[in-house]
């Protein structure tokens, strides 16, 4: 509706909420369009730029001219900048801002890759304390015990060093990102529902990082694939990659003939994270609705010498978009 003229616009204006399936979006071109981006941390690095770490742990340097409005745990960022960034935004809230109040300069500052910096790592003592010395119950592990034997759950939890923690939320799950050289890149913390095993997304996504809880000064997050430390155990096994950490854990129980690894997000299907497995046989298992995108990215990596196949198993099902391999096997 045109709020000034109090009249309805033609019905070609609108947006489909099935982003992957359809993606149709046509909005009136009035003012500057901005999207609401939740963040974990937001730091001013100069008088012209700030560094934002979004809820997926992706760090991006943003010109202050592209930040329309700052709030406590989120900010409005111009659509123009977001289109050229690695920040996920299409499913977020958006609105138009009066151009008279917004002075946008069309200058892109690239994300963190343009800044030479040394990655930070967690000390092994921190993992030992959470996993061995002070173990906590987490909702995801408790859910898995309703689907598998205690022994199967114990082995899976042990393989991935799954830890319970009360950081941020009680009984949440800590997923350690450990590389093939046993360096701990990060620890992602997420909250799951004990009964359903689903991630809690209301009233907001319950995702954070351990370095924010233990307050590590200037922690420079550089992620690796979840489960990457397992690739040294059996060079004869193919590597299977899914998006969700939970799915990797579940599938390691169902199909132990693969080494199961997770990207953790759609944005992590990229060269620098995949480099350690370049010489291995890899099979990708994308969620429903993501096959085309994952196949395209796999083709790009294969041109660089990778050996990656992409399964369309879930894409051929009649389930809704977002359905993944673990959902399929748990439904059998």
Protein backbone atom coordinates (compact mmCIF):
# COMPACT_ATOMS: atom_id res chain seq x y z
CA UNK A 1 0.00 0.00 0.00
CA UNK A 2 1.10 3.54 -0.76
CA UNK A 3 0.95 5.05 2.73
CA UNK A 4 0.99 8.61 1.40
CA UNK A 5 -1.82 8.23 -1.15
CA UNK A 6 -3.62 5.52 0.87
CA UNK A 7 -4.07 3.39 -2.23
CA UNK A 8 -3.08 -0.16 -3.16
CA UNK A 9 -0.28 -0.76 -5.63
CA UNK A 10 -0.66 -3.16 -8.54
CA UNK A 11 -0.41 -6.83 -7.57
CA UNK A 12 2.90 -7.39 -9.37
CA UNK A 13 4.58 -5.79 -6.35
CA UNK A 14 5.45 -8.21 -3.58
CA UNK A 15 7.86 -10.81 -2.35
CA UNK A 16 7.67 -14.60 -2.16
CA UNK A 17 8.70 -15.93 1.24
CA UNK A 18 10.02 -19.15 -0.34
CA UNK A 19 13.42 -17.61 -1.06
CA UNK A 20 15.20 -20.62 -2.52
CA UNK A 21 12.21 -22.04 -4.37
CA UNK A 22 11.01 -18.84 -6.01
CA UNK A 23 12.92 -15.72 -5.12
CA UNK A 24 10.41 -13.32 -6.70
CA UNK A 25 10.74 -9.85 -5.28
CA UNK A 26 9.54 -6.56 -6.71
CA UNK A 27 9.34 -3.52 -4.46
CA UNK A 28 8.49 0.12 -5.13
CA UNK A 29 11.65 2.10 -5.85
CA UNK A 30 11.34 4.77 -3.21
CA UNK A 31 14.15 5.76 -0.93
CA UNK A 32 17.16 3.64 0.01
CA UNK A 33 16.44 0.01 0.69
CA UNK A 34 18.13 -1.45 3.77
CA UNK A 35 18.14 -4.88 5.40
CA UNK A 36 18.28 -5.57 9.13
CA UNK A 37 21.46 -7.53 9.86
CA UNK A 38 21.88 -9.11 13.33
CA UNK A 39 25.47 -9.27 14.47
CA UNK A 40 27.64 -10.86 17.13
CA UNK A 41 30.15 -8.04 17.22
CA UNK A 42 30.51 -4.63 15.60
CA UNK A 43 33.73 -2.63 15.82
CA UNK A 44 34.77 0.69 14.35
CA UNK A 45 38.19 0.28 12.68
CA UNK A 46 38.54 3.76 11.18
CA UNK A 47 36.55 6.92 10.61
CA UNK A 48 35.28 5.42 7.36
CA UNK A 49 34.77 1.72 8.06
CA UNK A 50 33.56 -0.80 10.66
CA UNK A 51 34.07 -4.55 11.01
CA UNK A 52 30.90 -6.61 11.54
CA UNK A 53 30.72 -10.29 12.52
CA UNK A 54 27.29 -11.64 11.57
CA UNK A 55 25.47 -14.49 13.36
CA UNK A 56 27.13 -17.04 11.05
CA UNK A 57 30.56 -15.85 12.13
CA UNK A 58 31.31 -14.15 8.79
CA UNK A 59 33.44 -11.05 9.25
CA UNK A 60 32.95 -8.17 6.82
CA UNK A 61 34.43 -4.69 6.61
CA UNK A 62 31.66 -2.23 5.78
CA UNK A 63 31.94 1.43 4.79
CA UNK A 64 30.18 3.52 7.41
CA UNK A 65 28.40 5.26 4.54
CA UNK A 66 26.56 1.97 3.86
CA UNK A 67 25.37 1.51 7.45
CA UNK A 68 22.04 3.29 7.45
CA UNK A 69 21.13 2.88 11.11
CA UNK A 70 22.84 1.28 14.11
CA UNK A 71 20.97 -0.55 16.89
CA UNK A 72 22.16 -2.57 19.92
CA UNK A 73 22.59 -6.04 18.37
CA UNK A 74 21.82 -5.29 14.75
CA UNK A 75 22.01 -2.59 12.13
CA UNK A 76 20.39 -1.55 8.86
CA UNK A 77 22.75 -1.93 5.90
CA UNK A 78 22.09 -0.77 2.35
CA UNK A 79 20.96 -3.39 -0.14
CA UNK A 80 23.49 -2.04 -2.62
CA UNK A 81 26.39 -3.05 -0.37
CA UNK A 82 24.87 -6.39 0.69
CA UNK A 83 24.57 -7.53 -2.93
CA UNK A 84 28.35 -7.38 -3.18
CA UNK A 85 29.11 -8.93 0.20
CA UNK A 86 29.17 -12.40 1.76
CA UNK A 87 26.47 -11.51 4.30
CA UNK A 88 23.22 -13.52 4.11
CA UNK A 89 20.37 -11.06 4.02
CA UNK A 90 17.55 -12.02 1.63
CA UNK A 91 15.44 -13.64 4.36
CA UNK A 92 15.87 -10.69 6.74
CA UNK A 93 13.54 -7.77 7.43
CA UNK A 94 13.93 -4.77 5.15
CA UNK A 95 12.52 -1.30 4.73
CA UNK A 96 13.04 1.90 2.78
CA UNK A 97 14.76 4.96 4.17
CA UNK A 98 14.19 8.51 3.00
CA UNK A 99 17.03 9.46 0.67
CA UNK A 100 17.09 12.91 2.23
CA UNK A 101 18.31 11.32 5.45
CA UNK A 102 20.82 8.94 3.90
CA UNK A 103 24.09 9.88 2.24
CA UNK A 104 25.43 6.77 0.53
CA UNK A 105 28.78 6.71 -1.23
CA UNK A 106 29.06 3.95 -3.84
CA UNK A 107 32.41 2.62 -2.66
CA UNK A 108 32.97 -1.03 -1.77
CA UNK A 109 35.52 -2.08 0.78
CA UNK A 110 36.16 -5.79 0.40
CA UNK A 111 35.57 -8.20 3.26
CA UNK A 112 38.18 -9.41 5.70
CA UNK A 113 40.27 -11.18 3.05
CA UNK A 114 41.66 -7.81 2.00
CA UNK A 115 43.08 -7.31 5.49
CA UNK A 116 46.27 -9.19 6.28
CA UNK A 117 45.80 -10.73 9.69
CA UNK A 118 46.85 -13.76 11.68
CA UNK A 119 44.06 -16.20 12.59
CA UNK A 120 43.39 -16.87 16.26
CA UNK A 121 43.17 -20.34 17.79
CA UNK A 122 41.69 -21.64 21.03
CA UNK A 123 44.08 -23.44 23.41
CA UNK A 124 43.60 -27.18 23.76
CA UNK A 125 43.19 -26.62 27.52
CA UNK A 126 39.87 -24.89 26.86
CA UNK A 127 38.51 -27.94 25.05
CA UNK A 128 39.84 -30.25 27.76
CA UNK A 129 38.09 -28.24 30.43
CA UNK A 130 34.71 -28.23 28.69
CA UNK A 131 34.78 -31.77 27.32
CA UNK A 132 36.69 -33.75 29.96
CA UNK A 133 36.93 -31.82 33.22
CA UNK A 134 33.52 -30.11 33.46
CA UNK A 135 31.13 -31.89 31.10
CA UNK A 136 27.64 -30.41 30.75
CA UNK A 137 24.40 -31.88 29.42
CA UNK A 138 23.32 -30.50 26.06
CA UNK A 139 19.89 -30.80 24.46
CA UNK A 140 21.13 -32.13 21.12
CA UNK A 141 22.96 -35.09 22.66
CA UNK A 142 19.92 -35.87 24.79
CA UNK A 143 17.75 -35.87 21.65
CA UNK A 144 20.16 -38.22 19.87
CA UNK A 145 19.80 -40.71 22.72
CA UNK A 146 16.12 -41.05 21.81
CA UNK A 147 17.07 -42.11 18.28
CA UNK A 148 20.24 -44.16 18.79
CA UNK A 149 21.81 -46.33 21.46
CA UNK A 150 23.84 -44.71 24.21
CA UNK A 151 26.96 -46.32 22.78
CA UNK A 152 26.37 -44.92 19.30
CA UNK A 153 25.77 -41.44 20.70
CA UNK A 154 28.83 -41.68 22.94
CA UNK A 155 31.09 -42.60 20.01
CA UNK A 156 29.72 -39.82 17.80
CA UNK A 157 30.05 -37.22 20.56
CA UNK A 158 33.58 -38.42 21.27
CA UNK A 159 34.62 -38.30 17.59
CA UNK A 160 33.50 -34.68 17.21
CA UNK A 161 34.27 -33.55 20.80
CA UNK A 162 30.68 -32.35 21.20
CA UNK A 163 30.41 -30.41 24.45
CA UNK A 164 27.50 -29.12 26.46
CA UNK A 165 27.68 -25.58 27.74
CA UNK A 166 25.59 -23.01 29.58
CA UNK A 167 27.31 -20.13 27.80
CA UNK A 168 24.61 -17.82 26.43
CA UNK A 169 21.85 -20.47 26.89
CA UNK A 170 21.47 -23.42 29.25
CA UNK A 171 22.10 -26.89 27.78
CA UNK A 172 23.32 -25.53 24.46
CA UNK A 173 25.76 -27.44 22.23
CA UNK A 174 29.36 -26.48 21.47
CA UNK A 175 30.71 -27.51 18.06
CA UNK A 176 34.51 -27.35 17.91
CA UNK A 177 36.13 -26.52 14.58
CA UNK A 178 39.44 -28.43 14.65
CA UNK A 179 41.60 -28.66 11.55
CA UNK A 180 43.71 -31.51 10.20
CA UNK A 181 46.69 -30.26 12.23
CA UNK A 182 44.60 -30.30 15.44
CA UNK A 183 44.47 -26.52 15.71
CA UNK A 184 41.19 -25.24 17.17
CA UNK A 185 39.89 -22.48 14.89
CA UNK A 186 36.61 -21.82 16.65
CA UNK A 187 33.77 -23.16 18.74
CA UNK A 188 30.24 -22.44 17.56
CA UNK A 189 27.50 -22.55 20.19
CA UNK A 190 23.89 -23.34 19.25
CA UNK A 191 20.73 -24.14 21.17
CA UNK A 192 18.50 -27.08 20.23
CA UNK A 193 15.12 -28.27 21.39
CA UNK A 194 15.55 -31.42 23.48
CA UNK A 195 12.33 -33.07 22.27
CA UNK A 196 12.48 -32.38 18.54
CA UNK A 197 16.22 -31.97 17.97
CA UNK A 198 15.50 -28.84 15.96
CA UNK A 199 17.53 -25.68 16.33
CA UNK A 200 15.69 -22.96 18.27
CA UNK A 201 15.18 -19.98 15.97
CA UNK A 202 12.62 -17.91 17.88
CA UNK A 203 12.51 -15.15 18.84
CA UNK A 204 15.94 -15.10 17.16
CA UNK A 205 18.59 -17.53 15.97
CA UNK A 206 20.44 -18.94 18.96
CA UNK A 207 23.95 -18.96 17.52
CA UNK A 208 27.09 -17.52 19.06
CA UNK A 209 30.80 -18.22 19.44
CA UNK A 210 32.82 -19.32 22.44
CA UNK A 211 35.39 -16.56 22.05
CA UNK A 212 32.60 -14.09 22.79
CA UNK A 213 31.74 -15.95 25.98
CA UNK A 214 35.26 -16.25 27.34
CA UNK A 215 36.01 -12.73 26.06
CA UNK A 216 39.18 -13.29 24.07
CA UNK A 217 40.55 -9.84 23.13
CA UNK A 218 40.87 -9.27 19.36
CA UNK A 219 40.03 -12.89 18.51
CA UNK A 220 40.45 -13.19 14.74
CA UNK A 221 37.95 -15.83 13.65
CA UNK A 222 39.04 -17.94 10.67
CA UNK A 223 36.78 -20.94 10.37
CA UNK A 224 37.59 -24.43 9.13
CA UNK A 225 35.22 -27.22 8.16
CA UNK A 226 33.55 -28.92 11.11
CA UNK A 227 35.01 -32.43 11.51
CA UNK A 228 38.13 -31.65 9.47
CA UNK A 229 40.31 -33.29 12.16
CA UNK A 230 38.82 -36.67 11.19
CA UNK A 231 40.31 -36.76 7.67
CA UNK A 232 43.62 -38.19 8.96
CA UNK A 233 42.02 -41.28 10.48
CA UNK A 234 41.30 -43.22 7.27
CA UNK A 235 42.68 -42.12 3.91
CA UNK A 236 40.70 -44.84 2.17
CA UNK A 237 37.31 -43.36 3.08
CA UNK A 238 35.56 -40.81 0.90
CA UNK A 239 34.58 -37.55 2.56
CA UNK A 240 30.89 -36.67 2.71
CA UNK A 241 29.98 -33.03 3.26
CA UNK A 242 26.69 -31.58 4.47
CA UNK A 243 25.75 -28.11 5.66
CA UNK A 244 24.65 -28.75 9.26
CA UNK A 245 26.95 -29.90 12.05
CA UNK A 246 24.05 -31.85 13.52
CA UNK A 247 23.54 -33.66 10.20
CA UNK A 248 27.21 -34.64 10.01
CA UNK A 249 27.02 -36.16 13.49
CA UNK A 250 23.82 -38.07 12.76
CA UNK A 251 25.04 -39.38 9.40
CA UNK A 252 28.30 -40.57 10.98
CA UNK A 253 26.10 -43.03 12.90
CA UNK A 254 23.92 -44.05 9.95
CA UNK A 255 26.70 -44.31 7.34
CA UNK A 256 30.11 -44.74 9.01
CA UNK A 257 31.71 -45.73 5.69
CA UNK A 258 32.13 -41.99 5.01
CA UNK A 259 34.02 -39.33 6.94
CA UNK A 260 31.29 -36.79 7.65
CA UNK A 261 32.12 -33.08 7.61
CA UNK A 262 29.92 -29.97 7.73
CA UNK A 263 30.38 -26.54 6.19
CA UNK A 264 28.32 -24.91 8.97
CA UNK A 265 26.75 -22.47 6.52
CA UNK A 266 26.13 -22.01 2.79
CA UNK A 267 28.85 -19.35 2.66
CA UNK A 268 31.55 -21.85 3.71
CA UNK A 269 31.49 -23.83 0.48
CA UNK A 270 34.63 -22.09 -0.76
CA UNK A 271 38.22 -22.67 -1.77
CA UNK A 272 40.11 -21.69 1.36
CA UNK A 273 38.07 -24.00 3.60
CA UNK A 274 38.18 -26.90 1.10
CA UNK A 275 41.92 -26.72 0.39
CA UNK A 276 42.88 -29.37 3.01
CA UNK A 277 40.73 -32.00 1.24
CA UNK A 278 41.76 -31.21 -2.34
CA UNK A 279 43.32 -34.64 -2.93
CA UNK A 280 40.44 -36.61 -1.40
CA UNK A 281 37.32 -38.05 -3.00
CA UNK A 282 34.45 -35.84 -1.83
CA UNK A 283 30.67 -36.17 -2.10
CA UNK A 284 28.42 -33.21 -1.32
CA UNK A 285 24.91 -33.78 0.05
CA UNK A 286 23.11 -30.43 -0.26
CA UNK A 287 19.83 -29.67 1.47
CA UNK A 288 16.64 -29.68 -0.57
CA UNK A 289 16.60 -26.59 -2.77
CA UNK A 290 20.37 -26.07 -2.69
CA UNK A 291 21.45 -28.63 -5.30
CA UNK A 292 21.94 -26.18 -8.19
CA UNK A 293 24.02 -23.79 -6.12
CA UNK A 294 26.21 -26.54 -4.61
CA UNK A 295 26.66 -28.17 -8.03
CA UNK A 296 27.83 -24.86 -9.49
CA UNK A 297 30.34 -24.30 -6.69
CA UNK A 298 31.57 -27.90 -6.91
CA UNK A 299 32.15 -27.47 -10.66
CA UNK A 300 34.23 -24.37 -9.97
CA UNK A 301 36.34 -26.25 -7.42
CA UNK A 302 36.74 -29.24 -9.75
CA UNK A 303 38.24 -26.93 -12.35
CA UNK A 304 40.95 -26.20 -9.77
CA UNK A 305 41.81 -29.87 -9.32
CA UNK A 306 39.29 -31.07 -6.73
CA UNK A 307 37.45 -34.40 -7.02
CA UNK A 308 33.92 -33.53 -5.90
CA UNK A 309 30.62 -35.21 -6.75
CA UNK A 310 27.24 -33.78 -5.80
CA UNK A 311 24.36 -36.01 -4.76
CA UNK A 312 20.85 -35.06 -5.91
CA UNK A 313 19.27 -37.64 -3.59
CA UNK A 314 17.43 -35.13 -1.39
CA UNK A 315 16.60 -32.88 -4.34
CA UNK A 316 14.59 -35.73 -5.90
CA UNK A 317 12.37 -36.11 -2.84
CA UNK A 318 9.01 -34.42 -2.45
CA UNK A 319 9.97 -32.73 0.80
CA UNK A 320 10.04 -28.97 1.32
CA UNK A 321 13.13 -26.86 0.83
CA UNK A 322 15.51 -27.01 3.76
CA UNK A 323 14.94 -30.76 4.29
CA UNK A 324 18.32 -32.46 4.67
CA UNK A 325 19.94 -35.89 4.70
CA UNK A 326 19.53 -36.42 8.44
CA UNK A 327 15.83 -35.57 8.20
CA UNK A 328 15.49 -38.20 5.49
CA UNK A 329 17.24 -40.98 7.40
CA UNK A 330 15.47 -40.19 10.65
CA UNK A 331 12.13 -40.43 8.82
CA UNK A 332 12.79 -43.97 7.54
